[in-house]
Amino acid sequence: MAATGRSHPRARLTGVGTYVPERVLTNAELEEMVDTSDEWIVSRTGIHQRHIADDDQATTDLAAEAVNDLLVRTGAAPADIDLLIVATTTPDYVFPPCAPMLGTKCGMDYVAAYDTNAVCSGFMYGIAQATGMIESGIARRAVVVGAETLSRIINWNDRATCVLFADGAGAVMLEADEGEQGSGVMGVELGSDGSSPADLWVPAGGTRTPRTDDTPRADTYIQMNGREVFRFATRILVESSQRLLDEAGMTMDDVDLLVAHQANERILDHASERMGIAREKVVMNLDRVGNTSSASIPLAMADARDRGLLDDGAVVLMVGFGAGLTWGSVLVRWEPRA
């Protein structure tokens, strides 16, 4: 589904905050853990290192650090926030959701709060949900968080997956604004194809295959068909982006920055070449943080900001894709708080 050209109020993206755990796991360290090499990892993924949460850190803890960073950067008070959405695949518990606990941790008393799960696309779905609530008048100021502790569901004996995934959190603020057409969130495109769930999944632990004493340990960890995921990702990055730009009456030349899910350098290189976007407009930081699933897009956006690539008024195309299979694209004008 796609939606553009909505009426006022518009959802304005006004800030981003992030957090990655202090512990860094390098490729050299992985060489000691599994049959791999730095050359093999870099040539196939572009990743040199990733951050791993401490044993006493859970997803909500990482998210709280990112939200507090966001509040400091925007100057917003916790009481100003009336909607809190957490996109995550790795919640602290089966239930309750992370978001209410996160709200309490960050001083957002009685905030409307819930989790959403579209795996690596989850942050895009969270942005879409918050945008809809702001534009309908349900919320005035929303915080959307992508946070993961993927290290807890990694098979550290599987070199195909353990070199990819990592931990981290990112958060953005969306605020109601009576701005003109072409400001704020300018369009959203979402979709899914549930015909091949086993291409990227954790087979056991849900209600279809509950975890028991007889469950193979490998079935409680991430499993991936790398070839099929690569094929899907390189196709859907292009298709979702083009559908969104067409709906918005724009072209790739109008885009100042492409901030895509940081899954794999080869995916981003292949897709951006097909999209016809200049390499210098493609944000990449997975070399330093790995694949953080729902956290990857806000982490990449903050990296662009810190490197001086994210100018006020820049048109940013964000594209996520992941297990399900799911995808989502958001077109937004970056308008940070002064």
C-alpha atoms as a PDB file:
ATOM      1  CA  MET A   1       0.000   0.000   0.000  1.00  0.00           C
ATOM      2  CA  ALA A   2       1.132   3.530  -0.648  1.00  0.00           C
ATOM      3  CA  ALA A   3       0.087   6.937   0.604  1.00  0.00           C
ATOM      4  CA  THR A   4       1.266  10.416  -0.336  1.00  0.00           C
ATOM      5  CA  GLY A   5      -0.157  13.917  -0.546  1.00  0.00           C
ATOM      6  CA  ARG A   6      -1.917  13.785   2.799  1.00  0.00           C
ATOM      7  CA  SER A   7      -3.711  16.694   4.434  1.00  0.00           C
ATOM      8  CA  HIS A   8      -2.480  18.667   7.455  1.00  0.00           C
ATOM      9  CA  PRO A   9      -1.148  18.218  10.026  1.00  0.00           C
ATOM     10  CA  ARG A  10       1.998  16.653   8.662  1.00  0.00           C
ATOM     11  CA  ALA A  11       4.494  14.512  10.548  1.00  0.00           C
ATOM     12  CA  ARG A  12       7.838  16.304  10.717  1.00  0.00           C
ATOM     13  CA  LEU A  13      10.999  14.306  11.516  1.00  0.00           C
ATOM     14  CA  THR A  14      12.910  16.500  13.953  1.00  0.00           C
ATOM     15  CA  GLY A  15      15.708  14.457  15.495  1.00  0.00           C
ATOM     16  CA  VAL A  16      17.547  11.171  15.854  1.00  0.00           C
ATOM     17  CA  GLY A  17      19.322   9.570  18.814  1.00  0.00           C
ATOM     18  CA  THR A  18      21.356   6.367  18.994  1.00  0.00           C
ATOM     19  CA  TYR A  19      23.205   3.926  21.179  1.00  0.00           C
ATOM     20  CA  VAL A  20      25.526   0.986  20.582  1.00  0.00           C
ATOM     21  CA  PRO A  21      26.981  -1.163  23.379  1.00  0.00           C
ATOM     22  CA  GLU A  22      30.550  -0.526  24.437  1.00  0.00           C
ATOM     23  CA  ARG A  23      31.796  -4.006  23.630  1.00  0.00           C
ATOM     24  CA  VAL A  24      33.221  -4.296  20.112  1.00  0.00           C
ATOM     25  CA  LEU A  25      33.606  -7.682  18.435  1.00  0.00           C
ATOM     26  CA  THR A  26      36.133  -7.559  15.602  1.00  0.00           C
ATOM     27  CA  ASN A  27      36.581  -9.886  12.667  1.00  0.00           C
ATOM     28  CA  ALA A  28      39.902 -10.940  14.156  1.00  0.00           C
ATOM     29  CA  GLU A  29      38.079 -12.139  17.268  1.00  0.00           C
ATOM     30  CA  LEU A  30      35.564 -14.033  15.147  1.00  0.00           C
ATOM     31  CA  GLU A  31      38.464 -15.814  13.463  1.00  0.00           C
ATOM     32  CA  GLU A  32      39.175 -17.372  16.866  1.00  0.00           C
ATOM     33  CA  MET A  33      35.544 -18.423  17.352  1.00  0.00           C
ATOM     34  CA  VAL A  34      34.462 -19.875  14.010  1.00  0.00           C
ATOM     35  CA  ASP A  35      35.927 -21.049  10.702  1.00  0.00           C
ATOM     36  CA  THR A  36      36.206 -17.676   8.993  1.00  0.00           C
ATOM     37  CA  SER A  37      38.648 -14.884   8.210  1.00  0.00           C
ATOM     38  CA  ASP A  38      38.646 -11.124   8.083  1.00  0.00           C
ATOM     39  CA  GLU A  39      39.099 -11.270   4.315  1.00  0.00           C
ATOM     40  CA  TRP A  40      36.120 -13.631   3.918  1.00  0.00           C
ATOM     41  CA  ILE A  41      33.840 -11.486   6.082  1.00  0.00           C
ATOM     42  CA  VAL A  42      34.784  -8.157   4.500  1.00  0.00           C
ATOM     43  CA  SER A  43      34.585  -9.423   0.921  1.00  0.00           C
ATOM     44  CA  ARG A  44      31.111 -10.887   1.441  1.00  0.00           C
ATOM     45  CA  THR A  45      29.549  -8.380   3.829  1.00  0.00           C
ATOM     46  CA  GLY A  46      31.681  -5.233   4.144  1.00  0.00           C
ATOM     47  CA  ILE A  47      31.615  -5.598   7.942  1.00  0.00           C
ATOM     48  CA  HIS A  48      34.804  -5.072   9.970  1.00  0.00           C
ATOM     49  CA  GLN A  49      33.355  -4.996  13.485  1.00  0.00           C
ATOM     50  CA  ARG A  50      30.086  -5.000  15.388  1.00  0.00           C
ATOM     51  CA  HIS A  51      28.829  -4.088  18.886  1.00  0.00           C
ATOM     52  CA  ILE A  52      27.577  -6.710  21.346  1.00  0.00           C
ATOM     53  CA  ALA A  53      25.465  -6.051  24.440  1.00  0.00           C
ATOM     54  CA  ASP A  54      26.755  -6.927  27.890  1.00  0.00           C
ATOM     55  CA  ASP A  55      25.148  -9.864  29.662  1.00  0.00           C
ATOM     56  CA  ASP A  56      23.116  -7.534  31.875  1.00  0.00           C
ATOM     57  CA  GLN A  57      21.809  -5.442  28.958  1.00  0.00           C
ATOM     58  CA  ALA A  58      18.466  -6.176  27.313  1.00  0.00           C
ATOM     59  CA  THR A  59      16.722  -4.501  24.399  1.00  0.00           C
ATOM     60  CA  THR A  60      14.893  -1.985  26.590  1.00  0.00           C
ATOM     61  CA  ASP A  61      18.206  -0.898  28.132  1.00  0.00           C
ATOM     62  CA  LEU A  62      19.696  -0.153  24.715  1.00  0.00           C
ATOM     63  CA  ALA A  63      16.510   1.617  23.650  1.00  0.00           C
ATOM     64  CA  ALA A  64      16.533   3.821  26.753  1.00  0.00           C
ATOM     65  CA  GLU A  65      20.034   5.052  25.938  1.00  0.00           C
ATOM     66  CA  ALA A  66      18.962   5.949  22.394  1.00  0.00           C
ATOM     67  CA  VAL A  67      15.797   7.726  23.564  1.00  0.00           C
ATOM     68  CA  ASN A  68      17.686   9.725  26.179  1.00  0.00           C
ATOM     69  CA  ASP A  69      20.195  10.765  23.506  1.00  0.00           C
ATOM     70  CA  LEU A  70      17.276  11.844  21.316  1.00  0.00           C
ATOM     71  CA  LEU A  71      15.684  13.908  24.094  1.00  0.00           C
ATOM     72  CA  VAL A  72      18.970  15.679  24.815  1.00  0.00           C
ATOM     73  CA  ARG A  73      19.579  16.461  21.142  1.00  0.00           C
ATOM     74  CA  THR A  74      16.063  17.774  20.511  1.00  0.00           C
ATOM     75  CA  GLY A  75      15.584  19.514  23.848  1.00  0.00           C
ATOM     76  CA  ALA A  76      12.236  17.778  24.278  1.00  0.00           C
ATOM     77  CA  ALA A  77      10.996  16.796  27.725  1.00  0.00           C
ATOM     78  CA  PRO A  78       9.709  13.269  28.415  1.00  0.00           C
ATOM     79  CA  ALA A  79       6.306  14.745  29.231  1.00  0.00           C
ATOM     80  CA  ASP A  80       6.133  16.165  25.686  1.00  0.00           C
ATOM     81  CA  ILE A  81       5.911  12.671  24.162  1.00  0.00           C
ATOM     82  CA  ASP A  82       2.420  11.241  23.714  1.00  0.00           C
ATOM     83  CA  LEU A  83       3.245   8.187  21.575  1.00  0.00           C
ATOM     84  CA  LEU A  84       6.089   5.671  21.898  1.00  0.00           C
ATOM     85  CA  ILE A  85       6.567   2.845  19.394  1.00  0.00           C
ATOM     86  CA  VAL A  86       9.332   0.246  19.694  1.00  0.00           C
ATOM     87  CA  ALA A  87      10.225  -1.821  16.631  1.00  0.00           C
ATOM     88  CA  THR A  88      12.050  -4.953  17.724  1.00  0.00           C
ATOM     89  CA  THR A  89      12.496  -8.643  16.974  1.00  0.00           C
ATOM     90  CA  THR A  90      14.235  -9.302  20.281  1.00  0.00           C
ATOM     91  CA  PRO A  91      12.007  -8.033  23.117  1.00  0.00           C
ATOM     92  CA  ASP A  92      13.009  -8.400  26.749  1.00  0.00           C
ATOM     93  CA  TYR A  93      10.155 -10.868  27.304  1.00  0.00           C
ATOM     94  CA  VAL A  94       7.498 -12.713  25.294  1.00  0.00           C
ATOM     95  CA  PHE A  95       5.269 -10.196  27.055  1.00  0.00           C
ATOM     96  CA  PRO A  96       4.911  -7.501  28.306  1.00  0.00           C
ATOM     97  CA  PRO A  97       6.134  -5.385  25.379  1.00  0.00           C
ATOM     98  CA  CYS A  98       9.257  -3.252  25.657  1.00  0.00           C
ATOM     99  CA  ALA A  99       7.581   0.091  24.980  1.00  0.00           C
ATOM    100  CA  PRO A 100       5.698   0.600  28.275  1.00  0.00           C
ATOM    101  CA  MET A 101       8.814  -0.332  30.274  1.00  0.00           C
ATOM    102  CA  LEU A 102      10.875   1.982  28.081  1.00  0.00           C
ATOM    103  CA  GLY A 103       8.442   4.826  28.674  1.00  0.00           C
ATOM    104  CA  THR A 104       8.774   4.391  32.428  1.00  0.00           C
ATOM    105  CA  LYS A 105      12.578   4.201  32.185  1.00  0.00           C
ATOM    106  CA  CYS A 106      12.634   7.487  30.266  1.00  0.00           C
ATOM    107  CA  GLY A 107      10.139   9.364  32.443  1.00  0.00           C
ATOM    108  CA  MET A 108       7.246   9.279  29.963  1.00  0.00           C
ATOM    109  CA  ASP A 109       4.515   8.633  32.514  1.00  0.00           C
ATOM    110  CA  TYR A 110       1.336   7.114  31.038  1.00  0.00           C
ATOM    111  CA  VAL A 111       2.510   7.522  27.441  1.00  0.00           C
ATOM    112  CA  ALA A 112       0.661   5.478  24.792  1.00  0.00           C
ATOM    113  CA  ALA A 113       3.224   2.769  24.078  1.00  0.00           C
ATOM    114  CA  TYR A 114       3.446  -0.505  22.180  1.00  0.00           C
ATOM    115  CA  ASP A 115       5.837  -2.729  20.214  1.00  0.00           C
ATOM    116  CA  THR A 116       5.728  -3.584  16.524  1.00  0.00           C
ATOM    117  CA  ASN A 117       7.586  -6.385  14.751  1.00  0.00           C
ATOM    118  CA  ALA A 118       8.373  -6.444  11.054  1.00  0.00           C
ATOM    119  CA  VAL A 119      11.962  -7.547  11.739  1.00  0.00           C
ATOM    120  CA  CYS A 120      14.456  -5.482   9.710  1.00  0.00           C
ATOM    121  CA  SER A 121      11.577  -3.493   8.186  1.00  0.00           C
ATOM    122  CA  GLY A 122      10.117  -2.760  11.607  1.00  0.00           C
ATOM    123  CA  PHE A 123      11.446   0.763  11.915  1.00  0.00           C
ATOM    124  CA  MET A 124       9.764   1.726   8.632  1.00  0.00           C
ATOM    125  CA  TYR A 125       6.471   0.300   9.857  1.00  0.00           C
ATOM    126  CA  GLY A 126       6.868   2.227  13.103  1.00  0.00           C
ATOM    127  CA  ILE A 127       7.440   5.464  11.181  1.00  0.00           C
ATOM    128  CA  ALA A 128       4.342   4.755   9.083  1.00  0.00           C
ATOM    129  CA  GLN A 129       2.205   4.091  12.161  1.00  0.00           C
ATOM    130  CA  ALA A 130       3.392   7.212  13.974  1.00  0.00           C
ATOM    131  CA  THR A 131       2.851   9.315  10.852  1.00  0.00           C
ATOM    132  CA  GLY A 132      -0.708   8.081  10.538  1.00  0.00           C
ATOM    133  CA  MET A 133      -1.469   8.835  14.177  1.00  0.00           C
ATOM    134  CA  ILE A 134      -0.033  12.326  13.924  1.00  0.00           C
ATOM    135  CA  GLU A 135      -1.857  13.124  10.698  1.00  0.00           C
ATOM    136  CA  SER A 136      -5.143  11.838  12.153  1.00  0.00           C
ATOM    137  CA  GLY A 137      -4.723  13.964  15.276  1.00  0.00           C
ATOM    138  CA  ILE A 138      -4.325  11.043  17.700  1.00  0.00           C
ATOM    139  CA  ALA A 139      -0.756  12.071  18.592  1.00  0.00           C
ATOM    140  CA  ARG A 140       1.201  15.317  18.478  1.00  0.00           C
ATOM    141  CA  ARG A 141       4.728  14.160  19.251  1.00  0.00           C
ATOM    142  CA  ALA A 142       5.905  10.577  18.759  1.00  0.00           C
ATOM    143  CA  VAL A 143       9.131   8.708  19.376  1.00  0.00           C
ATOM    144  CA  VAL A 144       9.831   5.678  17.186  1.00  0.00           C
ATOM    145  CA  VAL A 145      12.588   3.333  18.320  1.00  0.00           C
ATOM    146  CA  GLY A 146      14.374   0.490  16.568  1.00  0.00           C
ATOM    147  CA  ALA A 147      16.270  -1.656  19.074  1.00  0.00           C
ATOM    148  CA  GLU A 148      17.782  -5.134  18.999  1.00  0.00           C
ATOM    149  CA  THR A 149      19.931  -7.537  20.986  1.00  0.00           C
ATOM    150  CA  LEU A 150      20.381  -9.981  18.131  1.00  0.00           C
ATOM    151  CA  SER A 151      23.442 -11.482  19.822  1.00  0.00           C
ATOM    152  CA  ARG A 152      20.999 -13.486  21.997  1.00  0.00           C
ATOM    153  CA  ILE A 153      19.574 -15.338  18.987  1.00  0.00           C
ATOM    154  CA  ILE A 154      22.791 -15.827  16.998  1.00  0.00           C
ATOM    155  CA  ASN A 155      24.310 -19.269  16.467  1.00  0.00           C
ATOM    156  CA  TRP A 156      27.953 -18.490  17.136  1.00  0.00           C
ATOM    157  CA  ASN A 157      28.944 -21.694  15.307  1.00  0.00           C
ATOM    158  CA  ASP A 158      27.286 -20.606  12.048  1.00  0.00           C
ATOM    159  CA  ARG A 159      29.695 -18.415  10.126  1.00  0.00           C
ATOM    160  CA  ALA A 160      27.009 -17.447   7.612  1.00  0.00           C
ATOM    161  CA  THR A 161      25.035 -15.536  10.256  1.00  0.00           C
ATOM    162  CA  CYS A 162      27.255 -14.842  13.265  1.00  0.00           C
ATOM    163  CA  VAL A 163      29.452 -12.470  11.252  1.00  0.00           C
ATOM    164  CA  LEU A 164      26.460 -10.355  10.221  1.00  0.00           C
ATOM    165  CA  PHE A 165      24.242  -9.517  13.154  1.00  0.00           C
ATOM    166  CA  ALA A 166      24.812  -7.122  16.036  1.00  0.00           C
ATOM    167  CA  ASP A 167      23.179  -5.073  18.793  1.00  0.00           C
ATOM    168  CA  GLY A 168      22.144  -1.424  18.943  1.00  0.00           C
ATOM    169  CA  ALA A 169      19.301   1.074  19.114  1.00  0.00           C
ATOM    170  CA  GLY A 170      18.150   4.215  17.346  1.00  0.00           C
ATOM    171  CA  ALA A 171      15.233   6.578  17.902  1.00  0.00           C
ATOM    172  CA  VAL A 172      13.614   9.398  15.959  1.00  0.00           C
ATOM    173  CA  MET A 173      11.125  12.089  16.895  1.00  0.00           C
ATOM    174  CA  LEU A 174       8.108  12.917  14.754  1.00  0.00           C
ATOM    175  CA  GLU A 175       6.085  16.047  15.507  1.00  0.00           C
ATOM    176  CA  ALA A 176       2.819  17.465  14.203  1.00  0.00           C
ATOM    177  CA  ASP A 177       3.407  20.440  11.957  1.00  0.00           C
ATOM    178  CA  GLU A 178       1.102  22.554   9.803  1.00  0.00           C
ATOM    179  CA  GLY A 179       3.759  22.735   7.111  1.00  0.00           C
ATOM    180  CA  GLU A 180       3.125  22.912   3.412  1.00  0.00           C
ATOM    181  CA  GLN A 181       3.109  20.041   0.950  1.00  0.00           C
ATOM    182  CA  GLY A 182       6.651  18.733   0.525  1.00  0.00           C
ATOM    183  CA  SER A 183       7.589  19.025   4.183  1.00  0.00           C
ATOM    184  CA  GLY A 184       7.876  16.283   6.789  1.00  0.00           C
ATOM    185  CA  VAL A 185       7.018  12.715   5.842  1.00  0.00           C
ATOM    186  CA  MET A 186       6.143  12.952   2.154  1.00  0.00           C
ATOM    187  CA  GLY A 187       5.248   9.348   1.445  1.00  0.00           C
ATOM    188  CA  VAL A 188       5.211   5.757   2.674  1.00  0.00           C
ATOM    189  CA  GLU A 189       5.274   2.440   0.800  1.00  0.00           C
ATOM    190  CA  LEU A 190       4.860  -0.879   2.645  1.00  0.00           C
ATOM    191  CA  GLY A 191       4.470  -4.492   1.575  1.00  0.00           C
ATOM    192  CA  SER A 192       5.096  -8.146   2.307  1.00  0.00           C
ATOM    193  CA  ASP A 193       5.379 -11.592   0.743  1.00  0.00           C
ATOM    194  CA  GLY A 194       4.813 -14.412   3.220  1.00  0.00           C
ATOM    195  CA  SER A 195       5.367 -17.274   0.782  1.00  0.00           C
ATOM    196  CA  SER A 196       8.922 -18.088   1.941  1.00  0.00           C
ATOM    197  CA  PRO A 197       9.203 -17.498   5.703  1.00  0.00           C
ATOM    198  CA  ALA A 198      12.064 -19.981   6.042  1.00  0.00           C
ATOM    199  CA  ASP A 199      14.354 -17.785   3.947  1.00  0.00           C
ATOM    200  CA  LEU A 200      15.087 -15.851   7.139  1.00  0.00           C
ATOM    201  CA  TRP A 201      13.691 -17.024  10.459  1.00  0.00           C
ATOM    202  CA  VAL A 202      14.084 -18.519  13.917  1.00  0.00           C
ATOM    203  CA  PRO A 203      12.154 -21.802  13.511  1.00  0.00           C
ATOM    204  CA  ALA A 204      11.412 -22.618  17.146  1.00  0.00           C
ATOM    205  CA  GLY A 205      10.089 -20.659  20.098  1.00  0.00           C
ATOM    206  CA  GLY A 206       6.708 -19.536  18.797  1.00  0.00           C
ATOM    207  CA  THR A 207       3.287 -21.126  19.024  1.00  0.00           C
ATOM    208  CA  ARG A 208       3.732 -23.224  15.862  1.00  0.00           C
ATOM    209  CA  THR A 209       6.898 -24.880  17.153  1.00  0.00           C
ATOM    210  CA  PRO A 210       7.169 -24.245  20.893  1.00  0.00           C
ATOM    211  CA  ARG A 211      10.576 -24.674  22.422  1.00  0.00           C
ATOM    212  CA  THR A 212      10.894 -27.892  24.439  1.00  0.00           C
ATOM    213  CA  ASP A 213      13.705 -29.936  25.953  1.00  0.00           C
ATOM    214  CA  ASP A 214      13.866 -31.830  22.649  1.00  0.00           C
ATOM    215  CA  THR A 215      14.148 -28.751  20.430  1.00  0.00           C
ATOM    216  CA  PRO A 216      17.414 -28.706  18.440  1.00  0.00           C
ATOM    217  CA  ARG A 217      19.431 -25.779  19.735  1.00  0.00           C
ATOM    218  CA  ALA A 218      20.110 -24.554  16.204  1.00  0.00           C
ATOM    219  CA  ASP A 219      16.366 -24.053  15.719  1.00  0.00           C
ATOM    220  CA  THR A 220      16.319 -21.383  18.427  1.00  0.00           C
ATOM    221  CA  TYR A 221      18.777 -19.221  16.483  1.00  0.00           C
ATOM    222  CA  ILE A 222      18.638 -17.163  13.284  1.00  0.00           C
ATOM    223  CA  GLN A 223      18.704 -19.263  10.105  1.00  0.00           C
ATOM    224  CA  MET A 224      19.062 -17.696   6.679  1.00  0.00           C
ATOM    225  CA  ASN A 225      19.019 -18.647   3.016  1.00  0.00           C
ATOM    226  CA  GLY A 226      21.593 -16.059   2.004  1.00  0.00           C
ATOM    227  CA  ARG A 227      21.175 -16.440  -1.740  1.00  0.00           C
ATOM    228  CA  GLU A 228      17.400 -15.939  -1.654  1.00  0.00           C
ATOM    229  CA  VAL A 229      17.629 -13.020   0.777  1.00  0.00           C
ATOM    230  CA  PHE A 230      20.180 -11.318  -1.485  1.00  0.00           C
ATOM    231  CA  ARG A 231      17.927 -11.811  -4.510  1.00  0.00           C
ATOM    232  CA  PHE A 232      14.884 -10.455  -2.663  1.00  0.00           C
ATOM    233  CA  ALA A 233      16.704  -7.498  -1.110  1.00  0.00           C
ATOM    234  CA  THR A 234      18.339  -6.237  -4.291  1.00  0.00           C
ATOM    235  CA  ARG A 235      15.007  -6.428  -6.105  1.00  0.00           C
ATOM    236  CA  ILE A 236      12.745  -4.926  -3.466  1.00  0.00           C
ATOM    237  CA  LEU A 237      15.072  -2.023  -2.658  1.00  0.00           C
ATOM    238  CA  VAL A 238      14.679  -0.840  -6.228  1.00  0.00           C
ATOM    239  CA  GLU A 239      10.978  -1.625  -6.643  1.00  0.00           C
ATOM    240  CA  SER A 240       9.760  -0.158  -3.350  1.00  0.00           C
ATOM    241  CA  SER A 241      11.817   2.997  -3.814  1.00  0.00           C
ATOM    242  CA  GLN A 242      10.544   3.525  -7.343  1.00  0.00           C
ATOM    243  CA  ARG A 243       6.905   2.990  -6.383  1.00  0.00           C
ATOM    244  CA  LEU A 244       7.220   5.551  -3.608  1.00  0.00           C
ATOM    245  CA  LEU A 245       8.966   8.124  -5.793  1.00  0.00           C
ATOM    246  CA  ASP A 246       6.369   7.652  -8.524  1.00  0.00           C
ATOM    247  CA  GLU A 247       3.546   8.243  -6.025  1.00  0.00           C
ATOM    248  CA  ALA A 248       5.282  11.374  -4.765  1.00  0.00           C
ATOM    249  CA  GLY A 249       5.891  12.712  -8.280  1.00  0.00           C
ATOM    250  CA  MET A 250       9.648  12.661  -7.735  1.00  0.00           C
ATOM    251  CA  THR A 251      12.685  10.957  -9.223  1.00  0.00           C
ATOM    252  CA  MET A 252      15.895   9.605  -7.781  1.00  0.00           C
ATOM    253  CA  ASP A 253      17.556  12.889  -8.771  1.00  0.00           C
ATOM    254  CA  ASP A 254      15.396  14.616  -6.134  1.00  0.00           C
ATOM    255  CA  VAL A 255      16.815  12.398  -3.375  1.00  0.00           C
ATOM    256  CA  ASP A 256      19.710  13.832  -1.378  1.00  0.00           C
ATOM    257  CA  LEU A 257      20.446  10.716   0.695  1.00  0.00           C
ATOM    258  CA  LEU A 258      19.540   7.042   0.523  1.00  0.00           C
ATOM    259  CA  VAL A 259      19.453   5.504   4.002  1.00  0.00           C
ATOM    260  CA  ALA A 260      18.742   1.813   3.509  1.00  0.00           C
ATOM    261  CA  HIS A 261      18.770  -1.122   5.899  1.00  0.00           C
ATOM    262  CA  GLN A 262      22.409  -1.937   6.588  1.00  0.00           C
ATOM    263  CA  ALA A 263      22.284  -5.651   5.809  1.00  0.00           C
ATOM    264  CA  ASN A 264      25.235  -6.222   3.523  1.00  0.00           C
ATOM    265  CA  GLU A 265      27.521  -3.953   1.510  1.00  0.00           C
ATOM    266  CA  ARG A 266      27.073  -6.018  -1.635  1.00  0.00           C
ATOM    267  CA  ILE A 267      23.291  -5.653  -1.409  1.00  0.00           C
ATOM    268  CA  LEU A 268      23.563  -1.882  -1.076  1.00  0.00           C
ATOM    269  CA  ASP A 269      26.106  -1.586  -3.888  1.00  0.00           C
ATOM    270  CA  HIS A 270      24.089  -3.744  -6.262  1.00  0.00           C
ATOM    271  CA  ALA A 271      20.764  -2.062  -5.512  1.00  0.00           C
ATOM    272  CA  SER A 272      22.056   1.515  -5.590  1.00  0.00           C
ATOM    273  CA  GLU A 273      23.671   0.901  -8.974  1.00  0.00           C
ATOM    274  CA  ARG A 274      20.347  -0.360 -10.335  1.00  0.00           C
ATOM    275  CA  MET A 275      18.557   2.623  -8.778  1.00  0.00           C
ATOM    276  CA  GLY A 276      20.887   5.032 -10.537  1.00  0.00           C
ATOM    277  CA  ILE A 277      21.770   6.971  -7.403  1.00  0.00           C
ATOM    278  CA  ALA A 278      25.258   8.398  -6.958  1.00  0.00           C
ATOM    279  CA  ARG A 279      27.456   6.377  -4.601  1.00  0.00           C
ATOM    280  CA  GLU A 280      28.183   9.434  -2.445  1.00  0.00           C
ATOM    281  CA  LYS A 281      24.456   9.717  -1.669  1.00  0.00           C
ATOM    282  CA  VAL A 282      24.288   6.188  -0.232  1.00  0.00           C
ATOM    283  CA  VAL A 283      24.843   6.083   3.530  1.00  0.00           C
ATOM    284  CA  MET A 284      26.802   3.093   4.827  1.00  0.00           C
ATOM    285  CA  ASN A 285      27.966   2.417   8.360  1.00  0.00           C
ATOM    286  CA  LEU A 286      27.618  -1.355   8.577  1.00  0.00           C
ATOM    287  CA  ASP A 287      31.397  -1.666   8.374  1.00  0.00           C
ATOM    288  CA  ARG A 288      31.471  -0.428  11.998  1.00  0.00           C
ATOM    289  CA  VAL A 289      28.172  -1.650  13.441  1.00  0.00           C
ATOM    290  CA  GLY A 290      27.077  -4.682  11.408  1.00  0.00           C
ATOM    291  CA  ASN A 291      23.457  -5.600  10.727  1.00  0.00           C
ATOM    292  CA  THR A 292      21.347  -4.334  13.638  1.00  0.00           C
ATOM    293  CA  SER A 293      17.961  -5.144  12.060  1.00  0.00           C
ATOM    294  CA  SER A 294      15.331  -2.559  13.067  1.00  0.00           C
ATOM    295  CA  ALA A 295      18.011  -0.277  14.541  1.00  0.00           C
ATOM    296  CA  SER A 296      20.075  -0.015  11.373  1.00  0.00           C
ATOM    297  CA  ILE A 297      18.290   2.854   9.616  1.00  0.00           C
ATOM    298  CA  PRO A 298      18.290   5.324  12.548  1.00  0.00           C
ATOM    299  CA  LEU A 299      21.908   4.372  13.293  1.00  0.00           C
ATOM    300  CA  ALA A 300      22.827   5.099   9.666  1.00  0.00           C
ATOM    301  CA  MET A 301      20.894   8.371   9.677  1.00  0.00           C
ATOM    302  CA  ALA A 302      22.712   9.536  12.796  1.00  0.00           C
ATOM    303  CA  ASP A 303      26.014   8.561  11.218  1.00  0.00           C
ATOM    304  CA  ALA A 304      25.174  10.715   8.189  1.00  0.00           C
ATOM    305  CA  ARG A 305      24.313  13.608  10.496  1.00  0.00           C
ATOM    306  CA  ASP A 306      27.569  13.254  12.421  1.00  0.00           C
ATOM    307  CA  ARG A 307      29.607  13.184   9.201  1.00  0.00           C
ATOM    308  CA  GLY A 308      27.936  16.346   7.913  1.00  0.00           C
ATOM    309  CA  LEU A 309      26.034  14.566   5.149  1.00  0.00           C
ATOM    310  CA  LEU A 310      22.538  15.333   6.450  1.00  0.00           C
ATOM    311  CA  ASP A 311      21.774  18.963   5.665  1.00  0.00           C
ATOM    312  CA  ASP A 312      18.687  20.758   6.945  1.00  0.00           C
ATOM    313  CA  GLY A 313      15.926  20.331   4.376  1.00  0.00           C
ATOM    314  CA  ALA A 314      17.548  17.276   2.781  1.00  0.00           C
ATOM    315  CA  VAL A 315      15.226  14.803   1.059  1.00  0.00           C
ATOM    316  CA  VAL A 316      15.945  11.390   2.571  1.00  0.00           C
ATOM    317  CA  LEU A 317      14.770   8.076   1.158  1.00  0.00           C
ATOM    318  CA  MET A 318      14.717   5.377   3.845  1.00  0.00           C
ATOM    319  CA  VAL A 319      14.236   1.764   2.742  1.00  0.00           C
ATOM    320  CA  GLY A 320      13.955  -1.311   4.951  1.00  0.00           C
ATOM    321  CA  PHE A 321      13.606  -4.984   4.059  1.00  0.00           C
ATOM    322  CA  GLY A 322      13.682  -8.134   6.100  1.00  0.00           C
ATOM    323  CA  ALA A 323      12.198 -11.405   7.264  1.00  0.00           C
ATOM    324  CA  GLY A 324       8.599 -12.172   6.558  1.00  0.00           C
ATOM    325  CA  LEU A 325       9.434 -11.217   3.894  1.00  0.00           C
ATOM    326  CA  THR A 326       8.639  -7.553   4.486  1.00  0.00           C
ATOM    327  CA  TRP A 327       9.667  -4.175   3.174  1.00  0.00           C
ATOM    328  CA  GLY A 328       8.982  -0.511   3.685  1.00  0.00           C
ATOM    329  CA  SER A 329      10.098   2.828   2.271  1.00  0.00           C
ATOM    330  CA  VAL A 330       9.642   6.314   3.680  1.00  0.00           C
ATOM    331  CA  LEU A 331      10.354   9.610   1.912  1.00  0.00           C
ATOM    332  CA  VAL A 332      11.020  12.443   4.336  1.00  0.00           C
ATOM    333  CA  ARG A 333      12.452  15.927   4.450  1.00  0.00           C
ATOM    334  CA  TRP A 334      14.944  16.275   7.309  1.00  0.00           C
ATOM    335  CA  GLU A 335      13.810  19.211   9.456  1.00  0.00           C
ATOM    336  CA  PRO A 336      15.582  19.018  12.824  1.00  0.00           C
ATOM    337  CA  ARG A 337      14.646  21.089  15.818  1.00  0.00           C
ATOM    338  CA  ALA A 338      16.622  24.342  15.924  1.00  0.00           C
END
